[in-house]
Amino acid sequence: MSVKERITVTIDSEIATQIKELAGSTSSFVESAIREKLDRYRHARAMLDRELAAAERADPERFAEARAHVTEMMDRHFGGAA
């Protein structure tokens, strides 16, 4: 059995009403929605990681240049915070 932790989430009242009308248990509904979102994120991240690895294998020099460019842009945008 997993340990549950109480958290507070603030959502639009219209959404809250719909959850209460349709789902019964607000906690179960929200937890399920969060699990689905996390699963989609993990799947997308795994796909991106595979594509990046393939791109790096295909052309390591070009990949390194692209990585340096993205890093530079991120540093410029976010002030070098990592």
Protein backbone atom coordinates (compact mmCIF):
# COMPACT_ATOMS: atom_id res chain seq x y z
CA MET A 1 0.00 0.00 0.00
CA SER A 2 1.39 3.40 -0.94
CA VAL A 3 1.67 6.19 1.57
CA LYS A 4 -0.64 9.10 0.87
CA GLU A 5 0.27 12.71 1.51
CA ARG A 6 -2.23 15.51 1.87
CA ILE A 7 -1.56 18.54 -0.31
CA THR A 8 -3.60 21.61 -1.10
CA VAL A 9 -4.44 22.37 -4.71
CA THR A 10 -6.29 25.46 -5.87
CA ILE A 11 -8.30 25.09 -9.08
CA ASP A 12 -10.95 27.02 -10.94
CA SER A 13 -14.35 26.67 -9.27
CA GLU A 14 -15.98 25.52 -12.51
CA ILE A 15 -13.51 22.66 -12.80
CA ALA A 16 -14.02 21.77 -9.14
CA THR A 17 -17.77 21.59 -9.68
CA GLN A 18 -17.36 19.34 -12.72
CA ILE A 19 -15.05 17.00 -10.82
CA LYS A 20 -17.50 16.73 -7.94
CA GLU A 21 -20.42 16.06 -10.31
CA LEU A 22 -18.64 13.52 -12.51
CA ALA A 23 -15.98 11.82 -10.47
CA GLY A 24 -17.21 11.42 -6.94
CA SER A 25 -13.80 11.34 -5.25
CA THR A 26 -11.90 14.54 -5.97
CA SER A 27 -8.65 13.09 -4.63
CA SER A 28 -8.85 9.99 -6.84
CA PHE A 29 -9.70 12.07 -9.89
CA VAL A 30 -6.85 14.52 -9.36
CA GLU A 31 -4.35 11.75 -8.58
CA SER A 32 -5.37 9.88 -11.72
CA ALA A 33 -5.03 13.01 -13.87
CA ILE A 34 -1.59 13.73 -12.42
CA ARG A 35 -0.46 10.13 -13.00
CA GLU A 36 -1.59 10.34 -16.64
CA LYS A 37 0.24 13.64 -17.14
CA LEU A 38 3.42 12.26 -15.56
CA ASP A 39 3.23 9.12 -17.74
CA ARG A 40 2.89 11.28 -20.88
CA TYR A 41 5.83 13.40 -19.77
CA ARG A 42 8.03 10.35 -19.09
CA HIS A 43 7.09 8.85 -22.46
CA ALA A 44 7.83 12.11 -24.31
CA ARG A 45 11.12 12.49 -22.45
CA ALA A 46 12.17 8.93 -23.35
CA MET A 47 11.33 9.56 -27.01
CA LEU A 48 13.29 12.82 -26.99
CA ASP A 49 16.28 11.14 -25.35
CA ARG A 50 16.27 8.39 -28.02
CA GLU A 51 16.08 10.97 -30.82
CA LEU A 52 18.87 13.05 -29.32
CA ALA A 53 21.10 9.99 -28.94
CA ALA A 54 20.45 9.02 -32.56
CA ALA A 55 21.22 12.56 -33.76
CA GLU A 56 24.46 12.61 -31.77
CA ARG A 57 25.54 9.24 -33.24
CA ALA A 58 24.66 10.37 -36.76
CA ASP A 59 26.68 13.62 -36.66
CA PRO A 60 28.59 14.20 -33.42
CA GLU A 61 30.20 17.47 -34.56
CA ARG A 62 26.95 19.07 -35.68
CA PHE A 63 25.24 17.82 -32.53
CA ALA A 64 27.95 19.42 -30.34
CA GLU A 65 27.50 22.73 -32.20
CA ALA A 66 23.74 22.59 -31.73
CA ARG A 67 24.13 21.76 -28.02
CA ALA A 68 26.51 24.73 -27.57
CA HIS A 69 24.06 27.02 -29.35
CA VAL A 70 21.12 25.87 -27.21
CA THR A 71 23.21 26.23 -24.04
CA GLU A 72 24.20 29.76 -25.05
CA MET A 73 20.58 30.70 -25.76
CA MET A 74 19.42 29.23 -22.45
CA ASP A 75 22.15 31.07 -20.55
CA ARG A 76 21.21 34.32 -22.28
CA HIS A 77 17.50 33.81 -21.58
CA PHE A 78 17.78 32.49 -18.04
CA GLY A 79 20.89 34.39 -16.95
CA GLY A 80 23.22 31.41 -16.80
CA ALA A 81 21.28 29.72 -13.99
CA ALA A 82 21.62 25.97 -14.18
